[in-house]
Amino acid sequence: MVHVLFIRPDVAAVKVRQRVVTLDRRPIEGLSEGSPLFVMAKEEGRWLLVACQNTEVIDS
């Protein structure tokens, strides 16, 4: 997780960094890193994913 912004006590925007890895956690060559944004809402005590957007990160 990189950053969490609470829009309301029951709604949060969550920014993360992701990378596809093997079972022993080594990055898979040729696959780039991602930077998704999740919008989460707390309903009946559980945090649920209500919207998601993902952007591929390309090294220059």
C-alpha atoms as a PDB file:
ATOM      1  CA  MET A   1       0.000   0.000   0.000  1.00  0.00           C
ATOM      2  CA  VAL A   2       1.296   3.458  -0.859  1.00  0.00           C
ATOM      3  CA  HIS A   3      -1.430   5.841   0.323  1.00  0.00           C
ATOM      4  CA  VAL A   4      -4.931   5.806   1.833  1.00  0.00           C
ATOM      5  CA  LEU A   5      -7.272   8.800   1.635  1.00  0.00           C
ATOM      6  CA  PHE A   6     -10.426   8.550   3.751  1.00  0.00           C
ATOM      7  CA  ILE A   7     -13.121  10.384   1.811  1.00  0.00           C
ATOM      8  CA  ARG A   8     -15.552   9.608   4.633  1.00  0.00           C
ATOM      9  CA  PRO A   9     -15.100   7.254   7.613  1.00  0.00           C
ATOM     10  CA  ASP A  10     -16.680   4.482   5.518  1.00  0.00           C
ATOM     11  CA  VAL A  11     -15.157   5.300   2.097  1.00  0.00           C
ATOM     12  CA  ALA A  12     -11.449   5.248   1.211  1.00  0.00           C
ATOM     13  CA  ALA A  13      -9.316   5.685  -1.897  1.00  0.00           C
ATOM     14  CA  VAL A  14      -6.361   3.277  -1.704  1.00  0.00           C
ATOM     15  CA  LYS A  15      -3.309   3.687  -3.955  1.00  0.00           C
ATOM     16  CA  VAL A  16      -0.954   0.696  -4.222  1.00  0.00           C
ATOM     17  CA  ARG A  17       2.059  -0.495  -6.218  1.00  0.00           C
ATOM     18  CA  GLN A  18       1.920  -4.016  -7.615  1.00  0.00           C
ATOM     19  CA  ARG A  19       4.259  -6.382  -9.377  1.00  0.00           C
ATOM     20  CA  VAL A  20       3.611  -9.890 -10.682  1.00  0.00           C
ATOM     21  CA  VAL A  21       5.918 -12.349  -8.900  1.00  0.00           C
ATOM     22  CA  THR A  22       6.600 -16.080  -8.760  1.00  0.00           C
ATOM     23  CA  LEU A  23       5.512 -18.217  -5.797  1.00  0.00           C
ATOM     24  CA  ASP A  24       8.904 -17.520  -4.184  1.00  0.00           C
ATOM     25  CA  ARG A  25       8.322 -13.755  -4.652  1.00  0.00           C
ATOM     26  CA  ARG A  26      10.781 -13.129  -7.489  1.00  0.00           C
ATOM     27  CA  PRO A  27       9.608 -10.541 -10.078  1.00  0.00           C
ATOM     28  CA  ILE A  28       8.697 -12.052 -13.433  1.00  0.00           C
ATOM     29  CA  GLU A  29      10.925 -10.635 -16.160  1.00  0.00           C
ATOM     30  CA  GLY A  30       9.169  -8.752 -18.932  1.00  0.00           C
ATOM     31  CA  LEU A  31       6.131  -7.778 -16.851  1.00  0.00           C
ATOM     32  CA  SER A  32       5.975  -4.178 -15.710  1.00  0.00           C
ATOM     33  CA  GLU A  33       4.821  -2.738 -12.410  1.00  0.00           C
ATOM     34  CA  GLY A  34       1.253  -1.519 -11.904  1.00  0.00           C
ATOM     35  CA  SER A  35      -0.215   1.313  -9.857  1.00  0.00           C
ATOM     36  CA  PRO A  36      -3.895   0.597  -9.179  1.00  0.00           C
ATOM     37  CA  LEU A  37      -6.310   2.840  -7.324  1.00  0.00           C
ATOM     38  CA  PHE A  38      -9.040   1.104  -5.330  1.00  0.00           C
ATOM     39  CA  VAL A  39     -12.167   2.775  -3.971  1.00  0.00           C
ATOM     40  CA  MET A  40     -13.299   0.863  -0.905  1.00  0.00           C
ATOM     41  CA  ALA A  41     -16.537   1.190   1.078  1.00  0.00           C
ATOM     42  CA  LYS A  42     -17.272  -0.222   4.516  1.00  0.00           C
ATOM     43  CA  GLU A  43     -20.616  -2.031   4.550  1.00  0.00           C
ATOM     44  CA  GLU A  44     -21.885  -4.048   7.496  1.00  0.00           C
ATOM     45  CA  GLY A  45     -18.422  -4.005   9.085  1.00  0.00           C
ATOM     46  CA  ARG A  46     -16.553  -5.237   5.975  1.00  0.00           C
ATOM     47  CA  TRP A  47     -14.434  -3.236   3.534  1.00  0.00           C
ATOM     48  CA  LEU A  48     -15.579  -3.923  -0.032  1.00  0.00           C
ATOM     49  CA  LEU A  49     -14.005  -2.953  -3.343  1.00  0.00           C
ATOM     50  CA  VAL A  50     -16.488  -0.741  -5.185  1.00  0.00           C
ATOM     51  CA  ALA A  51     -14.298   0.640  -8.020  1.00  0.00           C
ATOM     52  CA  CYS A  52     -10.827   0.000  -9.388  1.00  0.00           C
ATOM     53  CA  GLN A  53      -8.524   1.587 -11.958  1.00  0.00           C
ATOM     54  CA  ASN A  54      -5.085   0.227 -12.889  1.00  0.00           C
ATOM     55  CA  THR A  55      -2.284   1.925 -14.792  1.00  0.00           C
ATOM     56  CA  GLU A  56       0.721   0.090 -16.172  1.00  0.00           C
ATOM     57  CA  VAL A  57       4.020   1.655 -15.119  1.00  0.00           C
ATOM     58  CA  ILE A  58       6.565   1.645 -17.954  1.00  0.00           C
ATOM     59  CA  ASP A  59      10.200   2.376 -17.173  1.00  0.00           C
ATOM     60  CA  SER A  60      11.754   4.864 -19.578  1.00  0.00           C
END
